[in-house]
Structure formats: C-alpha cells, structure tokens
Protein backbone atom coordinates (compact mmCIF):
# COMPACT_ATOMS: atom_id res chain seq x y z
CA MET A 1 -65.53 -98.60 72.08
CA SER A 2 -68.10 -99.78 74.58
CA LEU A 3 -70.78 -97.44 75.89
CA ILE A 4 -69.25 -97.42 79.39
CA ARG A 5 -65.79 -96.48 78.04
CA LEU A 6 -67.34 -93.78 75.87
CA LEU A 7 -69.18 -92.34 78.88
CA LEU A 8 -66.06 -92.50 81.06
CA ASN A 9 -63.98 -90.78 78.37
CA LEU A 10 -66.57 -88.02 77.97
CA LEU A 11 -66.69 -87.46 81.73
CA TRP A 12 -62.88 -87.57 81.79
CA ILE A 13 -62.64 -84.77 79.21
CA VAL A 14 -64.94 -82.62 81.35
CA THR A 15 -63.07 -83.39 84.60
CA GLY A 16 -59.64 -82.28 83.46
CA GLY A 17 -58.64 -84.59 80.66
CA LEU A 18 -58.77 -81.84 78.05
CA TRP A 19 -56.58 -79.52 80.13
CA MET A 20 -54.04 -82.21 80.91
CA ALA A 21 -53.85 -83.27 77.25
CA ALA A 22 -53.17 -79.60 76.45
CA ALA A 23 -50.38 -79.59 79.05
CA TRP A 24 -48.79 -82.60 77.33
CA ILE A 25 -49.01 -80.77 73.98
CA ILE A 26 -47.34 -77.72 75.55
CA ALA A 27 -44.57 -79.99 76.85
CA ALA A 28 -44.18 -81.41 73.34
CA ALA A 29 -43.98 -77.91 71.86
CA ILE A 30 -41.29 -76.95 74.37
CA MET A 31 -39.33 -80.07 73.46
CA VAL A 32 -39.58 -79.26 69.74
CA LEU A 33 -38.28 -75.75 70.37
CA THR A 34 -35.10 -77.19 71.86
CA ILE A 35 -34.49 -79.22 68.65
CA VAL A 36 -32.69 -81.96 70.63
CA GLY A 37 -35.97 -82.69 72.42
CA ILE A 38 -37.81 -83.83 69.29
CA PRO A 39 -37.73 -87.55 70.30
CA TRP A 40 -39.40 -86.61 73.60
CA ALA A 41 -41.93 -84.46 71.74
CA SER A 42 -43.23 -87.39 69.71
CA ALA A 43 -43.66 -89.42 72.90
CA ALA A 44 -45.44 -86.50 74.56
CA VAL A 45 -47.89 -86.20 71.64
CA ARG A 46 -48.71 -89.93 71.86
CA ILE A 47 -49.26 -89.60 75.61
CA ALA A 48 -51.38 -86.46 75.04
CA ALA A 49 -53.74 -88.55 72.91
CA PHE A 50 -53.80 -91.17 75.68
CA THR A 51 -54.43 -88.45 78.27
CA LEU A 52 -57.35 -87.15 76.25
CA LEU A 53 -59.07 -90.57 76.02
CA PRO A 54 -57.48 -92.94 78.56
CA PHE A 55 -60.32 -95.39 79.17
CA GLY A 56 -59.94 -98.41 76.93
CA HIS A 57 -56.16 -98.09 76.68
CA ARG A 58 -53.25 -98.89 78.94
CA ALA A 59 -49.61 -97.83 79.14
CA VAL A 60 -47.29 -100.86 79.32
CA ARG A 61 -43.55 -101.31 79.14
CA ARG A 62 -42.62 -101.82 75.52
CA ASP A 63 -40.22 -104.70 76.22
CA ARG A 64 -42.95 -106.59 78.08
CA PHE A 65 -45.44 -105.91 75.29
CA THR A 66 -43.19 -106.82 72.35
CA GLY A 67 -40.78 -109.15 74.12
CA VAL A 68 -37.84 -107.26 72.59
CA HIS A 69 -35.48 -104.80 74.26
CA ASP A 70 -34.80 -101.60 72.32
CA LEU A 71 -33.13 -98.22 72.86
CA GLY A 72 -36.05 -96.90 74.91
CA THR A 73 -36.06 -99.84 77.31
CA GLY A 74 -32.31 -99.99 77.89
CA PRO A 75 -29.72 -97.66 79.42
CA LEU A 76 -30.35 -94.93 76.84
CA GLY A 77 -34.02 -95.03 77.78
CA VAL A 78 -33.09 -94.45 81.41
CA LEU A 79 -30.96 -91.48 80.39
CA GLY A 80 -33.81 -90.17 78.23
CA ASN A 81 -36.24 -90.52 81.13
CA VAL A 82 -33.90 -88.59 83.44
CA VAL A 83 -33.67 -85.77 80.89
CA TRP A 84 -37.46 -85.81 80.47
CA LEU A 85 -37.97 -85.78 84.25
CA VAL A 86 -35.82 -82.67 84.64
CA LEU A 87 -37.27 -80.77 81.68
CA ALA A 88 -40.98 -81.57 81.75
CA GLY A 89 -41.89 -84.68 83.72
CA TRP A 90 -41.97 -83.20 87.18
CA TRP A 91 -44.43 -80.39 86.37
CA LEU A 92 -46.73 -82.67 84.37
CA ALA A 93 -46.75 -85.13 87.27
CA LEU A 94 -47.56 -82.30 89.69
CA CYS A 95 -50.46 -81.19 87.49
CA HIS A 96 -51.83 -84.75 87.38
CA LEU A 97 -51.36 -85.05 91.15
CA ALA A 98 -53.22 -81.77 91.79
CA ALA A 99 -56.08 -82.91 89.56
CA ALA A 100 -56.19 -86.26 91.36
CA ILE A 101 -56.42 -84.60 94.77
CA VAL A 102 -59.28 -82.35 93.67
CA LEU A 103 -61.17 -85.24 92.04
CA ALA A 104 -60.62 -87.55 95.02
CA LEU A 105 -62.63 -85.16 97.19
CA THR A 106 -65.79 -86.42 95.49
CA VAL A 107 -67.04 -89.99 95.29
CA ILE A 108 -67.82 -89.61 91.58
CA GLY A 109 -64.29 -88.39 90.89
CA LEU A 110 -62.45 -91.35 92.45
CA PRO A 111 -61.99 -93.35 89.20
CA PHE A 112 -60.73 -90.21 87.50
CA ALA A 113 -58.39 -89.45 90.39
CA TRP A 114 -56.94 -92.95 90.06
CA ALA A 115 -56.43 -92.40 86.32
CA HIS A 116 -54.64 -89.11 87.03
CA LEU A 117 -52.34 -90.88 89.50
CA LYS A 118 -51.43 -93.46 86.86
CA LEU A 119 -50.78 -90.67 84.37
CA ALA A 120 -48.60 -88.88 86.95
CA GLY A 121 -46.39 -91.96 87.10
CA LEU A 122 -46.25 -92.05 83.32
CA ALA A 123 -45.36 -88.35 83.27
CA LEU A 124 -42.30 -89.04 85.40
CA TRP A 125 -40.93 -91.95 83.33
CA PRO A 126 -42.55 -92.17 79.85
CA ILE A 127 -39.72 -93.42 77.63
CA GLY A 128 -39.95 -97.15 76.94
CA THR A 129 -43.72 -97.36 77.28
CA GLU A 130 -46.32 -98.16 74.68
CA ILE A 131 -50.00 -97.17 74.70
CA VAL A 132 -52.07 -100.21 73.75
CA PRO A 133 -55.77 -101.13 73.80
CA VAL A 134 -56.81 -102.86 77.01
CA HIS A 135 -57.64 -106.10 75.21
CA ALA A 136 -54.11 -106.22 73.72
CA ALA A 137 -52.28 -105.35 76.94
CA PRO A 138 -50.46 -108.24 78.55
CA THR A 139 -51.87 -109.46 81.82
CA PHE A 140 -49.38 -110.07 84.58
CA ARG A 141 -50.25 -112.78 87.04
CA ARG A 142 -48.72 -112.76 90.46
CA SER A 143 -46.71 -115.79 91.37
CA TYR A 144 -47.32 -117.01 94.88
C-alpha cells in the first residue's frame, strides 16, 4: 500500500470509516439472525472490510470483472438486491449519505464525502459486486 493510500485510509477511519464498518457488521449480524439472510451477511462482512479501508480498492460488477455471469449478476441477484434494499440497504445508504453531507461541509472532507457517496450506492445494490484492488479493476473507456 502506498503512503498516500495509507494516510487516506487512516484519515478515513477517523472521519467515520470505523463507525460505518461497524454498521455493516451490525447489518451482517441481523442477516445471520434471520438464518435465510446468511448469504447477504457474508457480502456485508466483505463490504465492511472495504468500508474500513476503501482507498486502494474498488467495487466493480462481478460479471464485468470476471467476464462470466453468475447467480449474483442475473435475475436472482436482482431479487437478492431488492430483499437487501428492504431489510438493510436503505438505512446503510442513509448513514453513508449523512456522513457524506457532514464531511462535504469541509474542504478536507470532500474526498471522504465522495467515498461515502460511492459506498451509499453500494449499500443500496451490493449483490453481484466484487471488491478488487485498484490496479486489478477493469478500466472502462467511453466510446465517442
């Protein structure tokens, strides 16, 4: 990990990353308690780790990353995302949005606010995504 990413991750932990990672763990625990939510719990734990140290990693669609469609990227993934959205996604997204608004009030907090906004989107629709290092993430060029 580069020095800049290490510094950004340390500042991230102080500016809400630790609390938001804890919220993801709480969501995972709630999913485990329902028994049927265990598949969502494992995804929430992976995203909690990403939420704790986001700089240097990126969330990408799994089918774009691997080139293969699977259950999480097909119709069952959509159904799983809808269930997740109703049970836990909306309140995690609201927490990330609130943190982003508070951090956006300062110039120093703008990069962290942007990271919270990206995590809010991930909180709404996490099934079918993969957390990968930035250097391994596919780059998407715009076609003009």
